[in-house]
Amino acid sequence: MAIETFGFCPRVNPEGAFTQRTRSIQFGDGYTQRAGDGINGESQSWPLTFVGDDDSIQPIIAFLRRHKGYMPFRWVNPLAELGLYCCPDGFNVTAMGKNSRGDQVFQLTATFVTAYHP
């Protein structure tokens, strides 16, 4: 399967978490030596929210189901950086009621995490 691009627009103000993986060793004299751990030492996590009617939420659900939580996809994060991500913890959908036209409105939440491709 070719790597797809996630092109749906989340709600504004997502807050990303950046984690650097390090190793450290503490010596008896108080000195601590630190080093990076592995070639992919930084990971990102982006909790995202999407709101819309059935016609706008169903394609997002189909995309996330197709990638099954482990298959990577391309996504441009809010910092305009293109990267590989996956959605390992699944997603949640909440029915929010109906809008003024009588259409059911949904909220979908998902967290995208950096994925690495060998």
PDB file of N, CA and C in Angstrom:
ATOM      1  N   MET A   1       0.838  -1.176   0.000  1.00  0.00           N
ATOM      2  CA  MET A   1       0.000   0.000   0.000  1.00  0.00           C
ATOM      3  C   MET A   1       0.885   1.241   0.000  1.00  0.00           C
ATOM      4  N   ALA A   2       0.610   2.170  -0.887  1.00  0.00           N
ATOM      5  CA  ALA A   2       1.357   3.421  -0.933  1.00  0.00           C
ATOM      6  C   ALA A   2       1.028   4.264   0.295  1.00  0.00           C
ATOM      7  N   ILE A   3       1.971   5.095   0.690  1.00  0.00           N
ATOM      8  CA  ILE A   3       1.747   5.951   1.848  1.00  0.00           C
ATOM      9  C   ILE A   3       0.833   7.097   1.435  1.00  0.00           C
ATOM     10  N   GLU A   4      -0.308   7.199   2.117  1.00  0.00           N
ATOM     11  CA  GLU A   4      -1.296   8.230   1.825  1.00  0.00           C
ATOM     12  C   GLU A   4      -0.986   9.505   2.609  1.00  0.00           C
ATOM     13  N   THR A   5      -1.613  10.592   2.186  1.00  0.00           N
ATOM     14  CA  THR A   5      -1.488  11.870   2.874  1.00  0.00           C
ATOM     15  C   THR A   5      -2.805  12.213   3.546  1.00  0.00           C
ATOM     16  N   PHE A   6      -2.736  12.563   4.826  1.00  0.00           N
ATOM     17  CA  PHE A   6      -3.901  12.996   5.581  1.00  0.00           C
ATOM     18  C   PHE A   6      -4.091  14.482   5.309  1.00  0.00           C
ATOM     19  N   GLY A   7      -5.177  14.858   4.641  1.00  0.00           N
ATOM     20  CA  GLY A   7      -5.368  16.235   4.235  1.00  0.00           C
ATOM     21  C   GLY A   7      -6.539  16.943   4.883  1.00  0.00           C
ATOM     22  N   PHE A   8      -7.096  16.373   5.926  1.00  0.00           N
ATOM     23  CA  PHE A   8      -8.248  16.981   6.576  1.00  0.00           C
ATOM     24  C   PHE A   8      -7.787  18.056   7.565  1.00  0.00           C
ATOM     25  N   CYS A   9      -8.591  19.072   7.730  1.00  0.00           N
ATOM     26  CA  CYS A   9      -8.216  20.229   8.557  1.00  0.00           C
ATOM     27  C   CYS A   9      -8.812  20.115   9.962  1.00  0.00           C
ATOM     28  N   PRO A  10      -7.947  20.060  11.002  1.00  0.00           N
ATOM     29  CA  PRO A  10      -8.462  19.993  12.372  1.00  0.00           C
ATOM     30  C   PRO A  10      -8.901  21.367  12.860  1.00  0.00           C
ATOM     31  N   ARG A  11      -9.530  21.389  14.017  1.00  0.00           N
ATOM     32  CA  ARG A  11      -9.896  22.661  14.656  1.00  0.00           C
ATOM     33  C   ARG A  11      -8.629  23.423  15.018  1.00  0.00           C
ATOM     34  N   VAL A  12      -8.787  24.688  15.259  1.00  0.00           N
ATOM     35  CA  VAL A  12      -7.636  25.555  15.538  1.00  0.00           C
ATOM     36  C   VAL A  12      -7.027  25.267  16.901  1.00  0.00           C
ATOM     37  N   ASN A  13      -5.806  25.705  17.063  1.00  0.00           N
ATOM     38  CA  ASN A  13      -5.037  25.658  18.309  1.00  0.00           C
ATOM     39  C   ASN A  13      -4.683  24.272  18.825  1.00  0.00           C
ATOM     40  N   PRO A  14      -4.276  23.326  17.958  1.00  0.00           N
ATOM     41  CA  PRO A  14      -3.792  22.060  18.519  1.00  0.00           C
ATOM     42  C   PRO A  14      -2.478  22.290  19.261  1.00  0.00           C
ATOM     43  N   GLU A  15      -2.254  21.515  20.292  1.00  0.00           N
ATOM     44  CA  GLU A  15      -1.052  21.660  21.110  1.00  0.00           C
ATOM     45  C   GLU A  15      -0.210  20.396  20.991  1.00  0.00           C
ATOM     46  N   GLY A  16       0.946  20.505  20.360  1.00  0.00           N
ATOM     47  CA  GLY A  16       1.820  19.355  20.161  1.00  0.00           C
ATOM     48  C   GLY A  16       2.787  19.178  21.316  1.00  0.00           C
ATOM     49  N   ALA A  17       3.123  17.923  21.591  1.00  0.00           N
ATOM     50  CA  ALA A  17       4.120  17.595  22.611  1.00  0.00           C
ATOM     51  C   ALA A  17       5.330  16.985  21.911  1.00  0.00           C
ATOM     52  N   PHE A  18       6.509  17.508  22.214  1.00  0.00           N
ATOM     53  CA  PHE A  18       7.752  17.017  21.630  1.00  0.00           C
ATOM     54  C   PHE A  18       8.545  16.337  22.735  1.00  0.00           C
ATOM     55  N   THR A  19       8.967  15.112  22.470  1.00  0.00           N
ATOM     56  CA  THR A  19       9.696  14.338  23.458  1.00  0.00           C
ATOM     57  C   THR A  19      11.038  13.919  22.879  1.00  0.00           C
ATOM     58  N   GLN A  20      12.109  14.214  23.603  1.00  0.00           N
ATOM     59  CA  GLN A  20      13.443  13.758  23.203  1.00  0.00           C
ATOM     60  C   GLN A  20      13.819  12.571  24.080  1.00  0.00           C
ATOM     61  N   ARG A  21      14.245  11.510  23.408  1.00  0.00           N
ATOM     62  CA  ARG A  21      14.640  10.299  24.127  1.00  0.00           C
ATOM     63  C   ARG A  21      16.125  10.383  24.446  1.00  0.00           C
ATOM     64  N   THR A  22      16.463  10.261  25.737  1.00  0.00           N
ATOM     65  CA  THR A  22      17.858  10.338  26.162  1.00  0.00           C
ATOM     66  C   THR A  22      18.176   9.196  27.124  1.00  0.00           C
ATOM     67  N   ARG A  23      19.455   8.981  27.286  1.00  0.00           N
ATOM     68  CA  ARG A  23      19.960   8.052  28.301  1.00  0.00           C
ATOM     69  C   ARG A  23      20.851   8.854  29.230  1.00  0.00           C
ATOM     70  N   SER A  24      20.869   8.475  30.486  1.00  0.00           N
ATOM     71  CA  SER A  24      21.754   9.173  31.419  1.00  0.00           C
ATOM     72  C   SER A  24      22.291   8.190  32.449  1.00  0.00           C
ATOM     73  N   ILE A  25      23.422   8.563  32.993  1.00  0.00           N
ATOM     74  CA  ILE A  25      24.024   7.782  34.069  1.00  0.00           C
ATOM     75  C   ILE A  25      24.524   8.759  35.125  1.00  0.00           C
ATOM     76  N   GLN A  26      24.218   8.455  36.371  1.00  0.00           N
ATOM     77  CA  GLN A  26      24.604   9.302  37.496  1.00  0.00           C
ATOM     78  C   GLN A  26      25.836   8.703  38.149  1.00  0.00           C
ATOM     79  N   PHE A  27      26.863   9.530  38.323  1.00  0.00           N
ATOM     80  CA  PHE A  27      28.091   9.086  38.979  1.00  0.00           C
ATOM     81  C   PHE A  27      28.076   9.517  40.446  1.00  0.00           C
ATOM     82  N   GLY A  28      28.905   8.889  41.233  1.00  0.00           N
ATOM     83  CA  GLY A  28      28.928   9.125  42.675  1.00  0.00           C
ATOM     84  C   GLY A  28      29.298  10.535  43.074  1.00  0.00           C
ATOM     85  N   ASP A  29      30.014  11.247  42.224  1.00  0.00           N
ATOM     86  CA  ASP A  29      30.430  12.602  42.592  1.00  0.00           C
ATOM     87  C   ASP A  29      29.404  13.664  42.191  1.00  0.00           C
ATOM     88  N   GLY A  30      28.202  13.230  41.760  1.00  0.00           N
ATOM     89  CA  GLY A  30      27.158  14.169  41.383  1.00  0.00           C
ATOM     90  C   GLY A  30      27.101  14.481  39.903  1.00  0.00           C
ATOM     91  N   TYR A  31      28.095  14.034  39.156  1.00  0.00           N
ATOM     92  CA  TYR A  31      28.131  14.290  37.716  1.00  0.00           C
ATOM     93  C   TYR A  31      27.150  13.349  37.004  1.00  0.00           C
ATOM     94  N   THR A  32      26.390  13.888  36.061  1.00  0.00           N
ATOM     95  CA  THR A  32      25.485  13.088  35.247  1.00  0.00           C
ATOM     96  C   THR A  32      25.903  13.202  33.792  1.00  0.00           C
ATOM     97  N   GLN A  33      26.057  12.070  33.149  1.00  0.00           N
ATOM     98  CA  GLN A  33      26.387  12.062  31.727  1.00  0.00           C
ATOM     99  C   GLN A  33      25.122  11.721  30.947  1.00  0.00           C
ATOM    100  N   ARG A  34      24.826  12.526  29.908  1.00  0.00           N
ATOM    101  CA  ARG A  34      23.626  12.320  29.096  1.00  0.00           C
ATOM    102  C   ARG A  34      24.009  12.174  27.634  1.00  0.00           C
ATOM    103  N   ALA A  35      23.198  11.367  26.933  1.00  0.00           N
ATOM    104  CA  ALA A  35      23.403  11.172  25.495  1.00  0.00           C
ATOM    105  C   ALA A  35      22.058  10.877  24.854  1.00  0.00           C
ATOM    106  N   GLY A  36      21.964  11.152  23.558  1.00  0.00           N
ATOM    107  CA  GLY A  36      20.749  10.823  22.815  1.00  0.00           C
ATOM    108  C   GLY A  36      20.587   9.322  22.700  1.00  0.00           C
ATOM    109  N   ASP A  37      19.357   8.872  22.581  1.00  0.00           N
ATOM    110  CA  ASP A  37      19.064   7.444  22.517  1.00  0.00           C
ATOM    111  C   ASP A  37      18.501   7.105  21.139  1.00  0.00           C
ATOM    112  N   GLY A  38      19.321   6.567  20.270  1.00  0.00           N
ATOM    113  CA  GLY A  38      18.872   6.125  18.957  1.00  0.00           C
ATOM    114  C   GLY A  38      18.931   7.215  17.908  1.00  0.00           C
ATOM    115  N   ILE A  39      18.700   6.806  16.660  1.00  0.00           N
ATOM    116  CA  ILE A  39      18.780   7.766  15.558  1.00  0.00           C
ATOM    117  C   ILE A  39      17.497   8.581  15.415  1.00  0.00           C
ATOM    118  N   ASN A  40      16.403   8.105  15.952  1.00  0.00           N
ATOM    119  CA  ASN A  40      15.136   8.838  15.939  1.00  0.00           C
ATOM    120  C   ASN A  40      14.814   9.255  17.377  1.00  0.00           C
ATOM    121  N   GLY A  41      15.583  10.195  17.872  1.00  0.00           N
ATOM    122  CA  GLY A  41      15.511  10.563  19.279  1.00  0.00           C
ATOM    123  C   GLY A  41      14.380  11.496  19.647  1.00  0.00           C
ATOM    124  N   GLU A  42      13.673  12.057  18.665  1.00  0.00           N
ATOM    125  CA  GLU A  42      12.567  12.960  18.987  1.00  0.00           C
ATOM    126  C   GLU A  42      11.273  12.408  18.429  1.00  0.00           C
ATOM    127  N   SER A  43      10.228  12.501  19.221  1.00  0.00           N
ATOM    128  CA  SER A  43       8.908  12.123  18.731  1.00  0.00           C
ATOM    129  C   SER A  43       7.928  13.254  19.030  1.00  0.00           C
ATOM    130  N   GLN A  44       6.870  13.295  18.240  1.00  0.00           N
ATOM    131  CA  GLN A  44       5.835  14.314  18.395  1.00  0.00           C
ATOM    132  C   GLN A  44       4.494  13.630  18.635  1.00  0.00           C
ATOM    133  N   SER A  45       3.660  14.305  19.377  1.00  0.00           N
ATOM    134  CA  SER A  45       2.306  13.828  19.633  1.00  0.00           C
ATOM    135  C   SER A  45       1.375  15.031  19.483  1.00  0.00           C
ATOM    136  N   TRP A  46       0.359  14.875  18.626  1.00  0.00           N
ATOM    137  CA  TRP A  46      -0.573  15.966  18.342  1.00  0.00           C
ATOM    138  C   TRP A  46      -2.014  15.514  18.587  1.00  0.00           C
ATOM    139  N   PRO A  47      -2.633  15.906  19.707  1.00  0.00           N
ATOM    140  CA  PRO A  47      -4.055  15.631  19.897  1.00  0.00           C
ATOM    141  C   PRO A  47      -4.865  16.582  19.004  1.00  0.00           C
ATOM    142  N   LEU A  48      -5.719  16.032  18.165  1.00  0.00           N
ATOM    143  CA  LEU A  48      -6.469  16.823  17.189  1.00  0.00           C
ATOM    144  C   LEU A  48      -7.968  16.625  17.377  1.00  0.00           C
ATOM    145  N   THR A  49      -8.726  17.646  17.006  1.00  0.00           N
ATOM    146  CA  THR A  49     -10.181  17.601  17.071  1.00  0.00           C
ATOM    147  C   THR A  49     -10.746  18.038  15.727  1.00  0.00           C
ATOM    148  N   PHE A  50     -11.717  17.294  15.242  1.00  0.00           N
ATOM    149  CA  PHE A  50     -12.417  17.606  14.000  1.00  0.00           C
ATOM    150  C   PHE A  50     -13.905  17.688  14.321  1.00  0.00           C
ATOM    151  N   VAL A  51     -14.572  18.703  13.797  1.00  0.00           N
ATOM    152  CA  VAL A  51     -16.005  18.866  14.031  1.00  0.00           C
ATOM    153  C   VAL A  51     -16.684  19.053  12.683  1.00  0.00           C
ATOM    154  N   GLY A  52     -17.800  18.367  12.493  1.00  0.00           N
ATOM    155  CA  GLY A  52     -18.539  18.522  11.252  1.00  0.00           C
ATOM    156  C   GLY A  52     -19.726  17.587  11.185  1.00  0.00           C
ATOM    157  N   ASP A  53     -20.418  17.673  10.072  1.00  0.00           N
ATOM    158  CA  ASP A  53     -21.562  16.785   9.866  1.00  0.00           C
ATOM    159  C   ASP A  53     -21.064  15.425   9.376  1.00  0.00           C
ATOM    160  N   ASP A  54     -21.990  14.532   9.138  1.00  0.00           N
ATOM    161  CA  ASP A  54     -21.655  13.167   8.736  1.00  0.00           C
ATOM    162  C   ASP A  54     -20.802  13.136   7.466  1.00  0.00           C
ATOM    163  N   ASP A  55     -21.101  14.014   6.507  1.00  0.00           N
ATOM    164  CA  ASP A  55     -20.364  14.034   5.249  1.00  0.00           C
ATOM    165  C   ASP A  55     -18.907  14.438   5.413  1.00  0.00           C
ATOM    166  N   SER A  56     -18.586  15.219   6.433  1.00  0.00           N
ATOM    167  CA  SER A  56     -17.193  15.625   6.633  1.00  0.00           C
ATOM    168  C   SER A  56     -16.446  14.710   7.600  1.00  0.00           C
ATOM    169  N   ILE A  57     -17.142  14.052   8.522  1.00  0.00           N
ATOM    170  CA  ILE A  57     -16.489  13.181   9.501  1.00  0.00           C
ATOM    171  C   ILE A  57     -16.266  11.766   8.960  1.00  0.00           C
ATOM    172  N   GLN A  58     -17.196  11.255   8.155  1.00  0.00           N
ATOM    173  CA  GLN A  58     -17.063   9.882   7.653  1.00  0.00           C
ATOM    174  C   GLN A  58     -15.777   9.642   6.850  1.00  0.00           C
ATOM    175  N   PRO A  59     -15.318  10.568   5.984  1.00  0.00           N
ATOM    176  CA  PRO A  59     -14.043  10.322   5.289  1.00  0.00           C
ATOM    177  C   PRO A  59     -12.842  10.249   6.238  1.00  0.00           C
ATOM    178  N   ILE A  60     -12.875  11.003   7.338  1.00  0.00           N
ATOM    179  CA  ILE A  60     -11.792  10.935   8.322  1.00  0.00           C
ATOM    180  C   ILE A  60     -11.814   9.577   9.019  1.00  0.00           C
ATOM    181  N   ILE A  61     -12.998   9.120   9.398  1.00  0.00           N
ATOM    182  CA  ILE A  61     -13.131   7.800  10.022  1.00  0.00           C
ATOM    183  C   ILE A  61     -12.637   6.718   9.073  1.00  0.00           C
ATOM    184  N   ALA A  62     -13.021   6.800   7.811  1.00  0.00           N
ATOM    185  CA  ALA A  62     -12.589   5.799   6.826  1.00  0.00           C
ATOM    186  C   ALA A  62     -11.070   5.802   6.684  1.00  0.00           C
ATOM    187  N   PHE A  63     -10.457   6.988   6.652  1.00  0.00           N
ATOM    188  CA  PHE A  63      -9.002   7.094   6.538  1.00  0.00           C
ATOM    189  C   PHE A  63      -8.325   6.448   7.737  1.00  0.00           C
ATOM    190  N   LEU A  64      -8.760   6.777   8.949  1.00  0.00           N
ATOM    191  CA  LEU A  64      -8.140   6.229  10.160  1.00  0.00           C
ATOM    192  C   LEU A  64      -8.372   4.727  10.278  1.00  0.00           C
ATOM    193  N   ARG A  65      -9.541   4.242   9.904  1.00  0.00           N
ATOM    194  CA  ARG A  65      -9.784   2.793   9.923  1.00  0.00           C
ATOM    195  C   ARG A  65      -8.890   2.072   8.916  1.00  0.00           C
ATOM    196  N   ARG A  66      -8.706   2.674   7.764  1.00  0.00           N
ATOM    197  CA  ARG A  66      -7.878   2.076   6.727  1.00  0.00           C
ATOM    198  C   ARG A  66      -6.423   1.931   7.189  1.00  0.00           C
ATOM    199  N   HIS A  67      -5.973   2.835   8.044  1.00  0.00           N
ATOM    200  CA  HIS A  67      -4.586   2.795   8.524  1.00  0.00           C
ATOM    201  C   HIS A  67      -4.424   2.007   9.819  1.00  0.00           C
ATOM    202  N   LYS A  68      -5.518   1.568  10.421  1.00  0.00           N
ATOM    203  CA  LYS A  68      -5.557   0.585  11.508  1.00  0.00           C
ATOM    204  C   LYS A  68      -4.679   0.896  12.718  1.00  0.00           C
ATOM    205  N   GLY A  69      -4.306   2.145  12.903  1.00  0.00           N
ATOM    206  CA  GLY A  69      -3.535   2.518  14.080  1.00  0.00           C
ATOM    207  C   GLY A  69      -2.051   2.294  13.981  1.00  0.00           C
ATOM    208  N   TYR A  70      -1.580   1.549  12.990  1.00  0.00           N
ATOM    209  CA  TYR A  70      -0.149   1.260  12.912  1.00  0.00           C
ATOM    210  C   TYR A  70       0.478   1.605  11.562  1.00  0.00           C
ATOM    211  N   MET A  71      -0.320   1.749  10.521  1.00  0.00           N
ATOM    212  CA  MET A  71       0.256   2.068   9.215  1.00  0.00           C
ATOM    213  C   MET A  71       0.495   3.579   9.123  1.00  0.00           C
ATOM    214  N   PRO A  72       1.700   3.984   8.726  1.00  0.00           N
ATOM    215  CA  PRO A  72       2.016   5.411   8.695  1.00  0.00           C
ATOM    216  C   PRO A  72       1.345   6.139   7.529  1.00  0.00           C
ATOM    217  N   PHE A  73       1.147   7.432   7.729  1.00  0.00           N
ATOM    218  CA  PHE A  73       0.634   8.309   6.678  1.00  0.00           C
ATOM    219  C   PHE A  73       1.368   9.637   6.774  1.00  0.00           C
ATOM    220  N   ARG A  74       1.378  10.372   5.676  1.00  0.00           N
ATOM    221  CA  ARG A  74       1.987  11.690   5.664  1.00  0.00           C
ATOM    222  C   ARG A  74       0.987  12.706   6.205  1.00  0.00           C
ATOM    223  N   TRP A  75       1.523  13.656   6.961  1.00  0.00           N
ATOM    224  CA  TRP A  75       0.689  14.734   7.483  1.00  0.00           C
ATOM    225  C   TRP A  75       1.568  15.950   7.705  1.00  0.00           C
ATOM    226  N   VAL A  76       1.059  17.116   7.365  1.00  0.00           N
ATOM    227  CA  VAL A  76       1.761  18.373   7.631  1.00  0.00           C
ATOM    228  C   VAL A  76       1.241  18.898   8.964  1.00  0.00           C
ATOM    229  N   ASN A  77       2.122  18.930   9.968  1.00  0.00           N
ATOM    230  CA  ASN A  77       1.693  19.357  11.301  1.00  0.00           C
ATOM    231  C   ASN A  77       1.483  20.878  11.324  1.00  0.00           C
ATOM    232  N   PRO A  78       0.956  21.431  12.415  1.00  0.00           N
ATOM    233  CA  PRO A  78       0.699  22.874  12.476  1.00  0.00           C
ATOM    234  C   PRO A  78       1.948  23.750  12.338  1.00  0.00           C
ATOM    235  N   LEU A  79       3.140  23.168  12.484  1.00  0.00           N
ATOM    236  CA  LEU A  79       4.382  23.920  12.277  1.00  0.00           C
ATOM    237  C   LEU A  79       4.818  23.880  10.812  1.00  0.00           C
ATOM    238  N   ALA A  80       3.958  23.357   9.945  1.00  0.00           N
ATOM    239  CA  ALA A  80       4.208  23.234   8.502  1.00  0.00           C
ATOM    240  C   ALA A  80       5.342  22.263   8.192  1.00  0.00           C
ATOM    241  N   GLU A  81       5.533  21.253   9.044  1.00  0.00           N
ATOM    242  CA  GLU A  81       6.543  20.221   8.829  1.00  0.00           C
ATOM    243  C   GLU A  81       5.862  18.951   8.327  1.00  0.00           C
ATOM    244  N   LEU A  82       6.277  18.485   7.169  1.00  0.00           N
ATOM    245  CA  LEU A  82       5.757  17.232   6.638  1.00  0.00           C
ATOM    246  C   LEU A  82       6.459  16.078   7.337  1.00  0.00           C
ATOM    247  N   GLY A  83       5.686  15.104   7.799  1.00  0.00           N
ATOM    248  CA  GLY A  83       6.279  13.961   8.476  1.00  0.00           C
ATOM    249  C   GLY A  83       5.392  12.744   8.372  1.00  0.00           C
ATOM    250  N   LEU A  84       5.896  11.638   8.886  1.00  0.00           N
ATOM    251  CA  LEU A  84       5.127  10.397   8.948  1.00  0.00           C
ATOM    252  C   LEU A  84       4.512  10.278  10.339  1.00  0.00           C
ATOM    253  N   TYR A  85       3.238   9.943  10.360  1.00  0.00           N
ATOM    254  CA  TYR A  85       2.509   9.817  11.623  1.00  0.00           C
ATOM    255  C   TYR A  85       1.622   8.583  11.568  1.00  0.00           C
ATOM    256  N   CYS A  86       1.170   8.169  12.746  1.00  0.00           N
ATOM    257  CA  CYS A  86       0.144   7.135  12.844  1.00  0.00           C
ATOM    258  C   CYS A  86      -0.782   7.536  13.991  1.00  0.00           C
ATOM    259  N   CYS A  87      -1.853   6.800  14.137  1.00  0.00           N
ATOM    260  CA  CYS A  87      -2.846   7.094  15.171  1.00  0.00           C
ATOM    261  C   CYS A  87      -3.021   5.823  16.014  1.00  0.00           C
ATOM    262  N   PRO A  88      -2.008   5.515  16.877  1.00  0.00           N
ATOM    263  CA  PRO A  88      -1.975   4.208  17.545  1.00  0.00           C
ATOM    264  C   PRO A  88      -3.029   3.975  18.619  1.00  0.00           C
ATOM    265  N   ASP A  89      -3.615   5.023  19.153  1.00  0.00           N
ATOM    266  CA  ASP A  89      -4.565   4.856  20.248  1.00  0.00           C
ATOM    267  C   ASP A  89      -6.015   4.955  19.805  1.00  0.00           C
ATOM    268  N   GLY A  90      -6.253   4.851  18.494  1.00  0.00           N
ATOM    269  CA  GLY A  90      -7.616   4.923  17.998  1.00  0.00           C
ATOM    270  C   GLY A  90      -8.145   6.346  17.999  1.00  0.00           C
ATOM    271  N   PHE A  91      -9.442   6.471  17.923  1.00  0.00           N
ATOM    272  CA  PHE A  91     -10.080   7.786  17.882  1.00  0.00           C
ATOM    273  C   PHE A  91     -11.428   7.697  18.566  1.00  0.00           C
ATOM    274  N   ASN A  92     -11.971   8.850  18.942  1.00  0.00           N
ATOM    275  CA  ASN A  92     -13.273   8.930  19.603  1.00  0.00           C
ATOM    276  C   ASN A  92     -14.198   9.810  18.784  1.00  0.00           C
ATOM    277  N   VAL A  93     -15.451   9.409  18.689  1.00  0.00           N
ATOM    278  CA  VAL A  93     -16.460  10.200  17.990  1.00  0.00           C
ATOM    279  C   VAL A  93     -17.584  10.497  18.971  1.00  0.00           C
ATOM    280  N   THR A  94     -17.967  11.769  19.038  1.00  0.00           N
ATOM    281  CA  THR A  94     -19.045  12.207  19.917  1.00  0.00           C
ATOM    282  C   THR A  94     -20.134  12.849  19.078  1.00  0.00           C
ATOM    283  N   ALA A  95     -21.377  12.430  19.271  1.00  0.00           N
ATOM    284  CA  ALA A  95     -22.511  13.081  18.613  1.00  0.00           C
ATOM    285  C   ALA A  95     -22.824  14.345  19.398  1.00  0.00           C
ATOM    286  N   MET A  96     -22.791  15.486  18.721  1.00  0.00           N
ATOM    287  CA  MET A  96     -22.921  16.779  19.394  1.00  0.00           C
ATOM    288  C   MET A  96     -24.326  17.371  19.300  1.00  0.00           C
ATOM    289  N   GLY A  97     -25.247  16.700  18.678  1.00  0.00           N
ATOM    290  CA  GLY A  97     -26.575  17.256  18.484  1.00  0.00           C
ATOM    291  C   GLY A  97     -26.743  17.720  17.047  1.00  0.00           C
ATOM    292  N   LYS A  98     -27.767  18.475  16.802  1.00  0.00           N
ATOM    293  CA  LYS A  98     -28.059  18.910  15.438  1.00  0.00           C
ATOM    294  C   LYS A  98     -27.790  20.402  15.270  1.00  0.00           C
ATOM    295  N   ASN A  99     -27.386  20.766  14.056  1.00  0.00           N
ATOM    296  CA  ASN A  99     -27.167  22.182  13.764  1.00  0.00           C
ATOM    297  C   ASN A  99     -28.482  22.834  13.340  1.00  0.00           C
ATOM    298  N   SER A 100     -28.412  24.101  12.931  1.00  0.00           N
ATOM    299  CA  SER A 100     -29.632  24.855  12.590  1.00  0.00           C
ATOM    300  C   SER A 100     -30.349  24.294  11.365  1.00  0.00           C
ATOM    301  N   ARG A 101     -29.632  23.540  10.514  1.00  0.00           N
ATOM    302  CA  ARG A 101     -30.258  22.915   9.338  1.00  0.00           C
ATOM    303  C   ARG A 101     -30.850  21.550   9.670  1.00  0.00           C
ATOM    304  N   GLY A 102     -30.625  21.076  10.882  1.00  0.00           N
ATOM    305  CA  GLY A 102     -31.142  19.774  11.283  1.00  0.00           C
ATOM    306  C   GLY A 102     -30.183  18.626  11.016  1.00  0.00           C
ATOM    307  N   ASP A 103     -28.940  18.935  10.609  1.00  0.00           N
ATOM    308  CA  ASP A 103     -27.932  17.893  10.355  1.00  0.00           C
ATOM    309  C   ASP A 103     -27.257  17.509  11.672  1.00  0.00           C
ATOM    310  N   GLN A 104     -27.018  16.223  11.849  1.00  0.00           N
ATOM    311  CA  GLN A 104     -26.290  15.746  13.020  1.00  0.00           C
ATOM    312  C   GLN A 104     -24.840  16.231  12.931  1.00  0.00           C
ATOM    313  N   VAL A 105     -24.307  16.754  14.031  1.00  0.00           N
ATOM    314  CA  VAL A 105     -22.930  17.241  14.088  1.00  0.00           C
ATOM    315  C   VAL A 105     -22.132  16.301  14.992  1.00  0.00           C
ATOM    316  N   PHE A 106     -20.899  16.007  14.567  1.00  0.00           N
ATOM    317  CA  PHE A 106     -20.035  15.095  15.302  1.00  0.00           C
ATOM    318  C   PHE A 106     -18.714  15.775  15.641  1.00  0.00           C
ATOM    319  N   GLN A 107     -18.103  15.288  16.707  1.00  0.00           N
ATOM    320  CA  GLN A 107     -16.741  15.686  17.063  1.00  0.00           C
ATOM    321  C   GLN A 107     -15.884  14.432  17.070  1.00  0.00           C
ATOM    322  N   LEU A 108     -14.782  14.450  16.355  1.00  0.00           N
ATOM    323  CA  LEU A 108     -13.852  13.327  16.306  1.00  0.00           C
ATOM    324  C   LEU A 108     -12.543  13.799  16.921  1.00  0.00           C
ATOM    325  N   THR A 109     -12.016  13.039  17.877  1.00  0.00           N
ATOM    326  CA  THR A 109     -10.717  13.346  18.469  1.00  0.00           C
ATOM    327  C   THR A 109      -9.769  12.187  18.213  1.00  0.00           C
ATOM    328  N   ALA A 110      -8.534  12.531  17.892  1.00  0.00           N
ATOM    329  CA  ALA A 110      -7.504  11.532  17.613  1.00  0.00           C
ATOM    330  C   ALA A 110      -6.148  12.148  17.941  1.00  0.00           C
ATOM    331  N   THR A 111      -5.196  11.323  18.309  1.00  0.00           N
ATOM    332  CA  THR A 111      -3.844  11.793  18.582  1.00  0.00           C
ATOM    333  C   THR A 111      -2.898  11.179  17.566  1.00  0.00           C
ATOM    334  N   PHE A 112      -2.212  12.056  16.815  1.00  0.00           N
ATOM    335  CA  PHE A 112      -1.236  11.615  15.831  1.00  0.00           C
ATOM    336  C   PHE A 112       0.131  11.597  16.493  1.00  0.00           C
ATOM    337  N   VAL A 113       0.867  10.505  16.281  1.00  0.00           N
ATOM    338  CA  VAL A 113       2.171  10.298  16.883  1.00  0.00           C
ATOM    339  C   VAL A 113       3.167  10.040  15.748  1.00  0.00           C
ATOM    340  N   THR A 114       4.386  10.556  15.930  1.00  0.00           N
ATOM    341  CA  THR A 114       5.430  10.361  14.933  1.00  0.00           C
ATOM    342  C   THR A 114       5.622   8.872  14.652  1.00  0.00           C
ATOM    343  N   ALA A 115       5.719   8.557  13.366  1.00  0.00           N
ATOM    344  CA  ALA A 115       6.000   7.182  12.934  1.00  0.00           C
ATOM    345  C   ALA A 115       7.328   7.204  12.187  1.00  0.00           C
ATOM    346  N   TYR A 116       8.044   6.120  12.249  1.00  0.00           N
ATOM    347  CA  TYR A 116       9.326   6.019  11.552  1.00  0.00           C
ATOM    348  C   TYR A 116       9.242   4.883  10.560  1.00  0.00           C
ATOM    349  N   HIS A 117       9.734   5.138   9.371  1.00  0.00           N
ATOM    350  CA  HIS A 117       9.690   4.150   8.293  1.00  0.00           C
ATOM    351  C   HIS A 117      11.102   3.623   8.076  1.00  0.00           C
ATOM    352  N   PRO A 118      11.274   2.297   8.082  1.00  0.00           N
ATOM    353  CA  PRO A 118      12.645   1.761   7.900  1.00  0.00           C
ATOM    354  C   PRO A 118      13.209   2.075   6.534  1.00  0.00           C
TER     355      PRO A 118
END
